[in-house]
Protein backbone atom coordinates (compact mmCIF):
# COMPACT_ATOMS: atom_id res chain seq x y z
CA MET A 1 25.96 47.99 32.14
CA LEU A 2 23.08 47.46 34.34
CA LYS A 3 20.96 49.71 32.31
CA LYS A 4 21.66 47.42 29.11
CA LEU A 5 21.31 44.30 30.88
CA LEU A 6 17.82 45.22 32.23
CA THR A 7 16.90 46.60 28.86
CA GLY A 8 18.08 43.09 27.31
CA CYS A 9 16.09 41.17 29.97
CA LEU A 10 12.93 43.25 29.41
CA THR A 11 13.35 42.45 25.66
CA ILE A 12 13.50 38.78 26.10
CA ALA A 13 10.18 38.94 28.66
CA ALA A 14 8.49 41.09 25.95
CA ALA A 15 9.17 38.59 23.29
CA ALA A 16 8.35 35.51 25.71
CA ALA A 17 4.89 37.27 26.67
CA LEU A 18 4.11 37.73 22.96
CA ALA A 19 4.92 33.98 22.30
CA LEU A 20 2.95 32.66 25.04
CA PRO A 21 -0.36 32.90 23.12
CA ALA A 22 1.22 31.10 20.13
CA MET A 23 2.58 28.37 22.26
CA ALA A 24 -0.61 27.69 24.32
CA ALA A 25 -1.85 24.93 21.99
CA ASP A 26 -1.49 21.14 23.47
CA MET A 27 1.05 20.03 20.77
CA SER A 28 2.21 16.18 20.26
CA GLY A 29 4.09 14.11 17.81
CA LYS A 30 3.98 10.70 16.99
CA VAL A 31 6.12 8.68 14.40
CA GLY A 32 4.36 5.79 12.63
CA GLY A 33 4.77 3.28 9.57
CA ARG A 34 4.95 -0.33 8.72
CA ALA A 35 6.81 -2.90 7.21
CA VAL A 36 5.48 -5.50 4.30
CA ALA A 37 6.99 -8.33 2.96
CA ASP A 38 5.72 -11.07 0.57
CA LEU A 39 7.11 -14.21 -1.09
CA ILE A 40 5.17 -14.68 -4.35
CA SER A 41 4.60 -17.74 -6.85
CA TYR A 42 3.43 -16.08 -9.99
CA SER A 43 1.99 -17.98 -13.11
CA TYR A 44 1.06 -16.63 -16.54
CA SER A 45 -0.64 -18.69 -18.92
CA PRO A 46 -1.17 -17.04 -22.41
CA ALA A 47 -3.87 -18.17 -24.76
CA GLU A 48 -1.22 -18.96 -27.52
CA GLY A 49 2.44 -20.09 -26.89
CA ASP A 50 4.12 -21.48 -23.73
CA GLY A 51 3.16 -20.40 -20.01
CA VAL A 52 5.58 -18.59 -17.57
CA SER A 53 5.76 -19.38 -13.95
CA TYR A 54 8.48 -18.06 -11.36
CA THR A 55 9.14 -16.82 -7.77
CA ASP A 56 9.86 -13.64 -6.17
CA MET A 57 10.05 -11.63 -3.21
CA PHE A 58 8.86 -8.03 -2.40
CA ALA A 59 9.14 -5.61 0.41
CA GLN A 60 8.00 -2.08 1.31
CA GLY A 61 8.47 0.25 4.13
CA ARG A 62 6.62 3.21 5.05
CA ILE A 63 7.34 6.00 7.92
CA ASP A 64 5.18 8.65 8.60
CA TYR A 65 4.93 11.82 11.21
CA LYS A 66 2.11 13.47 12.48
CA LEU A 67 2.38 16.63 14.76
CA THR A 68 -1.05 17.54 16.32
CA ALA A 69 -1.85 21.03 18.13
CA THR A 70 -5.05 21.48 19.84
CA GLU A 71 -6.43 24.58 21.64
CA GLY A 72 -10.06 25.10 22.26
CA ASP A 73 -12.32 23.39 20.07
CA TRP A 74 -9.62 23.20 17.20
CA THR A 75 -7.12 20.78 16.11
CA ALA A 76 -4.23 21.18 13.62
CA THR A 77 -2.50 18.46 12.03
CA GLY A 78 0.64 18.30 9.96
CA TYR A 79 1.36 14.89 8.26
CA VAL A 80 4.00 13.65 6.20
CA GLU A 81 4.16 9.87 4.81
CA LEU A 82 7.22 8.20 2.56
CA ARG A 83 7.50 4.58 0.95
CA SER A 84 9.82 2.66 -0.41
CA PRO A 85 9.02 1.21 -3.63
CA TYR A 86 7.39 -2.34 -3.65
CA THR A 87 10.18 -3.94 -5.62
CA GLY A 88 13.40 -5.96 -5.19
CA ASP A 89 15.49 -2.95 -5.73
CA SER A 90 16.92 -1.61 -2.51
CA TYR A 91 18.35 1.29 -3.92
CA SER A 92 15.21 2.55 -5.40
CA ASN A 93 13.92 6.01 -4.83
CA VAL A 94 11.50 6.96 -1.72
CA THR A 95 8.37 8.35 -2.60
CA VAL A 96 6.59 10.99 -0.77
CA LEU A 97 2.79 9.44 -0.54
CA GLN A 98 1.37 12.44 1.69
CA LYS A 99 2.27 15.72 2.86
CA TYR A 100 -0.88 18.18 4.20
CA VAL A 101 -1.78 20.30 7.00
CA LYS A 102 -5.35 19.87 8.44
CA PHE A 103 -7.70 22.00 10.54
CA GLU A 104 -10.75 20.47 12.28
CA ASN A 105 -13.33 20.75 15.21
CA GLU A 106 -16.08 18.51 15.75
CA ALA A 107 -18.43 19.72 13.07
CA VAL A 108 -15.86 20.46 9.99
CA SER A 109 -12.29 19.92 8.74
CA LEU A 110 -10.22 21.47 6.01
CA SER A 111 -7.01 20.29 4.87
CA LEU A 112 -4.73 21.33 1.94
CA GLY A 113 -1.56 19.35 0.52
CA THR A 114 -0.95 16.07 -1.20
CA GLN A 115 -3.49 13.55 0.28
CA TRP A 116 -5.28 10.17 -0.50
CA TRP A 117 -8.87 10.14 -1.83
CA GLY A 118 -11.36 7.38 -2.41
CA PHE A 119 -12.93 4.59 -0.19
CA VAL A 120 -11.21 1.47 -2.14
CA TYR A 121 -13.47 -0.93 -0.84
CA LEU A 122 -15.30 -1.94 2.62
CA THR A 123 -14.05 -5.53 2.74
CA PRO A 124 -11.88 -6.55 6.06
CA TYR A 125 -8.89 -8.96 5.73
CA VAL A 126 -7.97 -7.67 2.44
CA GLY A 127 -5.56 -4.80 1.29
CA ALA A 128 -2.63 -5.55 3.64
CA THR A 129 -0.12 -5.83 0.51
CA ASP A 130 0.37 -4.62 -2.75
CA SER A 131 1.32 -8.11 -4.32
CA HIS A 132 -2.28 -8.80 -4.76
CA ASP A 133 -5.66 -6.78 -4.10
CA ARG A 134 -9.07 -6.41 -5.07
CA HIS A 135 -10.06 -3.84 -7.51
CA CYS A 136 -9.81 -0.15 -6.10
CA TYR A 137 -13.17 1.59 -6.19
CA GLY A 138 -13.46 5.14 -6.32
CA CYS A 139 -9.52 5.77 -7.16
CA ILE A 140 -9.38 7.74 -10.33
CA ASN A 141 -6.70 9.53 -8.61
CA LEU A 142 -5.51 8.12 -5.59
CA ARG A 143 -2.95 10.71 -4.28
CA ASP A 144 -2.80 14.19 -5.55
CA ASP A 145 -2.66 17.72 -4.40
CA ARG A 146 -6.26 18.61 -2.95
CA LEU A 147 -7.88 21.00 -0.61
CA ILE A 148 -10.61 18.97 1.02
CA VAL A 149 -13.62 20.34 3.07
CA GLY A 150 -15.18 17.51 5.52
CA VAL A 151 -18.62 17.87 6.93
CA LYS A 152 -18.36 15.59 9.95
CA GLN A 153 -21.93 15.12 11.10
CA VAL A 154 -23.05 14.42 7.52
CA GLY A 155 -20.11 12.38 6.92
CA LEU A 156 -19.51 14.14 3.47
CA GLN A 157 -16.23 15.41 1.94
CA LEU A 158 -15.80 17.71 -0.91
CA TYR A 159 -12.53 18.36 -2.68
CA TYR A 160 -11.18 20.68 -5.34
CA SER A 161 -7.83 20.05 -7.16
CA THR A 162 -5.97 22.18 -9.73
CA ARG A 163 -2.04 21.94 -10.92
CA ASN A 164 -0.01 22.54 -13.81
CA ILE A 165 1.08 19.23 -15.01
CA ASP A 166 3.88 20.54 -17.67
CA THR A 167 7.22 18.83 -17.19
CA SER A 168 8.93 21.84 -18.55
CA ASP A 169 10.32 19.97 -21.95
CA SER A 170 8.57 20.05 -25.45
CA THR A 171 6.04 17.36 -25.00
CA SER A 172 2.87 19.13 -25.63
CA ASP A 173 1.93 18.90 -21.92
CA GLY A 174 1.51 22.07 -20.71
CA LEU A 175 -1.87 21.54 -19.17
CA ALA A 176 -3.63 22.59 -16.20
CA LYS A 177 -5.36 19.76 -14.78
CA THR A 178 -8.79 20.78 -12.48
CA GLU A 179 -10.89 18.09 -10.23
CA PHE A 180 -13.85 18.27 -8.33
CA GLY A 181 -14.76 15.41 -5.91
CA LEU A 182 -17.35 14.22 -3.34
CA GLN A 183 -17.50 11.54 -1.19
CA TYR A 184 -20.05 10.13 1.60
CA ASP A 185 -19.52 7.78 4.25
CA GLY A 186 -22.50 6.83 6.51
CA THR A 187 -23.54 3.60 8.63
CA PHE A 188 -26.99 2.83 9.19
CA GLY A 189 -27.24 -0.19 11.82
CA ALA A 190 -25.61 -3.31 9.96
CA VAL A 191 -25.43 -1.41 6.92
CA THR A 192 -22.40 0.79 5.81
CA VAL A 193 -22.42 2.83 2.64
CA ALA A 194 -19.40 4.36 0.73
CA ALA A 195 -20.02 6.55 -2.44
CA ALA A 196 -17.54 8.90 -4.47
CA TYR A 197 -17.89 10.99 -7.43
CA VAL A 198 -14.94 12.66 -9.14
CA SER A 199 -15.06 15.14 -12.43
CA GLN A 200 -11.77 15.54 -13.95
CA SER A 201 -10.92 18.07 -17.05
CA LYS A 202 -7.61 19.32 -18.57
CA ALA A 203 -7.11 22.49 -20.39
CA ALA A 204 -4.15 23.79 -22.48
CA ILE A 205 -2.19 26.75 -20.82
CA GLU A 206 -1.82 29.59 -23.01
CA ASN A 207 1.78 30.12 -24.35
CA LEU A 208 3.18 27.25 -22.48
CA ASP A 209 4.36 24.20 -24.53
CA GLN A 210 2.63 22.88 -27.49
CA ALA A 211 -0.41 21.64 -25.78
CA LYS A 212 -3.13 24.04 -27.58
CA ASP A 213 -5.67 21.51 -29.39
CA THR A 214 -3.88 18.38 -28.63
CA ALA A 215 -5.84 15.23 -27.33
CA GLY A 216 -5.19 16.82 -23.61
CA ASP A 217 -6.58 19.92 -24.34
CA GLY A 218 -10.21 19.59 -23.49
CA TYR A 219 -9.69 15.97 -22.13
CA ALA A 220 -12.66 15.15 -19.60
CA ALA A 221 -13.13 12.20 -17.27
CA SER A 222 -15.53 11.24 -14.60
CA GLN A 223 -15.96 8.29 -12.06
CA PHE A 224 -18.62 7.27 -9.59
CA ALA A 225 -17.99 4.34 -7.17
CA LEU A 226 -20.48 2.94 -4.65
CA ALA A 227 -20.13 0.32 -1.93
CA VAL A 228 -22.75 -1.46 0.34
CA ARG A 229 -21.57 -3.53 3.12
CA TYR A 230 -24.16 -5.47 5.44
CA ALA A 231 -23.14 -7.14 8.64
CA ILE A 232 -24.84 -10.50 8.66
CA GLN A 233 -23.54 -10.72 12.43
CA GLU A 234 -20.50 -10.03 14.48
CA GLY A 235 -17.24 -10.62 12.35
CA MET A 236 -19.40 -11.72 9.17
CA TYR A 237 -19.92 -9.25 6.07
CA VAL A 238 -21.24 -9.46 2.73
CA GLU A 239 -20.70 -6.34 0.20
CA GLY A 240 -21.50 -5.19 -3.25
CA ASP A 241 -19.27 -2.80 -4.98
CA TYR A 242 -19.97 -0.77 -8.36
CA GLU A 243 -17.86 1.73 -10.49
CA ALA A 244 -18.63 3.41 -13.56
CA TYR A 245 -15.70 5.58 -15.38
CA ALA A 246 -15.60 7.43 -18.76
CA SER A 247 -13.19 9.42 -20.38
CA THR A 248 -13.02 11.57 -23.81
CA PRO A 249 -9.90 13.17 -25.37
CA GLY A 250 -10.07 16.81 -26.25
CA THR A 251 -9.55 16.16 -29.85
CA SER A 252 -12.77 16.91 -32.24
CA GLY A 253 -15.26 13.84 -32.55
CA ALA A 254 -13.17 11.81 -29.95
CA ASP A 255 -14.91 8.55 -28.80
CA THR A 256 -15.96 8.34 -25.28
CA ALA A 257 -14.05 5.33 -23.62
CA THR A 258 -15.93 3.43 -20.68
CA GLN A 259 -15.03 1.08 -17.83
CA ASN A 260 -17.56 -0.44 -15.68
CA THR A 261 -16.63 -2.82 -12.72
CA MET A 262 -18.93 -4.84 -10.34
CA GLY A 263 -17.77 -6.85 -7.28
CA VAL A 264 -19.07 -8.91 -4.66
CA ALA A 265 -17.02 -9.98 -1.84
CA PHE A 266 -17.70 -12.40 1.77
CA ALA A 267 -15.52 -11.68 4.91
CA MET A 268 -15.77 -13.78 8.32
CA ALA A 269 -13.77 -13.88 11.50
CA LEU A 270 -12.67 -17.38 12.70
CA SER A 271 -11.77 -16.15 16.05
CA GLU A 272 -10.20 -13.00 17.32
CA SER A 273 -6.91 -13.64 15.68
CA GLN A 274 -8.11 -15.23 12.46
CA GLY A 275 -10.26 -14.10 9.55
CA PHE A 276 -10.64 -14.53 5.64
CA ALA A 277 -12.11 -12.91 2.77
CA VAL A 278 -13.27 -13.94 -0.63
CA ALA A 279 -14.18 -11.23 -3.55
CA TYR A 280 -14.90 -11.31 -7.14
CA ASP A 281 -14.57 -7.97 -9.29
CA LEU A 282 -15.30 -8.09 -13.21
CA THR A 283 -14.43 -5.16 -15.04
CA THR A 284 -15.72 -4.45 -18.50
CA ASP A 285 -13.84 -1.57 -21.00
CA ASN A 286 -15.19 -0.36 -24.04
CA SER A 287 -13.33 2.15 -26.58
CA GLY A 288 -16.66 3.85 -27.38
CA ALA A 289 -16.01 3.51 -31.03
CA SER A 290 -18.91 2.48 -33.43
CA GLY A 291 -19.49 -1.07 -33.07
CA ALA A 292 -16.67 -1.58 -30.67
CA ASP A 293 -16.65 -5.00 -28.35
CA ASP A 294 -16.66 -5.17 -24.74
CA TYR A 295 -13.70 -6.42 -23.07
CA LYS A 296 -13.96 -7.97 -19.88
CA THR A 297 -11.53 -8.88 -16.97
CA SER A 298 -12.46 -10.64 -13.88
CA LEU A 299 -10.30 -11.03 -10.69
CA LEU A 300 -10.88 -13.43 -7.89
CA THR A 301 -9.18 -12.64 -4.64
CA PHE A 302 -8.98 -14.80 -1.55
CA MET A 303 -6.90 -13.90 1.61
CA PHE A 304 -6.66 -15.47 5.10
CA ASN A 305 -5.21 -13.69 7.76
CA GLN A 306 -3.51 -14.60 11.29
CA MET A 307 -2.92 -12.35 13.88
CA LEU A 308 0.62 -13.02 15.51
CA ALA A 309 1.81 -10.84 18.51
CA GLY A 310 -0.60 -8.21 17.36
CA GLN A 311 0.53 -8.01 13.78
CA LYS A 312 -0.78 -9.53 10.46
CA LEU A 313 0.50 -12.81 8.60
CA TRP A 314 -1.57 -13.81 5.72
CA VAL A 315 -1.76 -16.23 2.72
CA GLY A 316 -3.41 -14.98 -0.23
CA TYR A 317 -4.39 -15.94 -3.88
CA ASN A 318 -5.50 -14.12 -7.04
CA ALA A 319 -6.65 -15.15 -10.23
CA LYS A 320 -6.84 -12.66 -13.21
CA ASN A 321 -8.56 -13.55 -16.66
CA VAL A 322 -8.99 -11.61 -19.82
CA ASP A 323 -11.68 -12.56 -22.27
CA LYS A 324 -9.28 -11.10 -25.09
CA ALA A 325 -6.75 -8.52 -25.20
CA TYR A 326 -8.19 -4.90 -25.41
CA GLY A 327 -8.46 -3.67 -29.07
CA THR A 328 -7.83 -7.11 -30.56
CA ASP A 329 -9.59 -10.29 -30.84
CA ILE A 330 -6.83 -12.47 -29.31
CA LYS A 331 -8.18 -14.91 -26.75
CA ALA A 332 -7.86 -14.66 -22.90
CA ASP A 333 -4.79 -14.85 -21.03
CA SER A 334 -4.77 -15.76 -17.03
CA TYR A 335 -2.52 -14.66 -14.48
CA SER A 336 -2.29 -16.00 -10.75
CA THR A 337 -0.28 -15.55 -7.83
CA ILE A 338 0.06 -17.27 -4.32
CA ALA A 339 1.64 -15.08 -1.71
CA LEU A 340 2.75 -15.76 2.10
CA GLY A 341 3.57 -12.41 3.68
CA GLY A 342 3.40 -10.28 6.66
CA ARG A 343 2.95 -7.04 7.94
CA VAL A 344 4.12 -5.13 10.85
CA THR A 345 2.57 -1.75 11.59
CA PHE A 346 4.27 0.64 14.43
């Protein structure tokens, strides 16, 4: 009996000894998230016919968990983020926004999984809510499965993404999507620069679905985005943004559609707890067909932020104007929103 007991104890001790190196890392976990809510007044003025106006309320919740393990020069991170839809339906399905693993030291980082990509813009006091916002620069594919390699000392990130986008039905979407991306972020005194480039392509997967020789087979798209922000003084910024996007279906002789966006923004802190931003973004679309007209969409954004108890309360305004509906000669429609909202982060 004693021999069996000693043998069992030795076995447990040996297992514990083997496990010690794996448990030597300093581990910590943190739950985070945010709650966002808006009261919105919406107006729509068509070029022809009667206008529409109404009020609505929206809310969104996010929750995330981050586990960090550090040993020596290396840190490992596991991250999961979930979001409730930004709608009035409290029973809508929850979306998993991000789920990835990451390994990094002072010089490099390596992450794999569903991750955010794109710098959006550099303007402060904007982007606290989905109810109204600026144009999203560098967001050809905001969240997707990616392998991202970061060179920290240079401010450079490179990513590779590949996935089968087949929906397992007969809709001719048995395609493999491949992406390559490059992003740079740097600060030079009062100037901050962000630039991103993405190349995307799709190809039919042999013997899967009926995607061969469809518009998706051979589809190609690319996007380049650039933002430059200058700090006039502490708490006062001016920003310029540019984005060029082009896409070509895989069908023979297909036209290349283009979309170009330019934006300017000004932001200023009024105090330690107050600030505002105003921005103007102009998007020009063209189908690429011979003699095709440009279609322009302008977006004016204003937002005032007030910090209360360390959290954000805002009043915002968006005005969107379309010179004519895409692909038609119908005159401009216009839209506007006025929002009162708040965001609490934990």
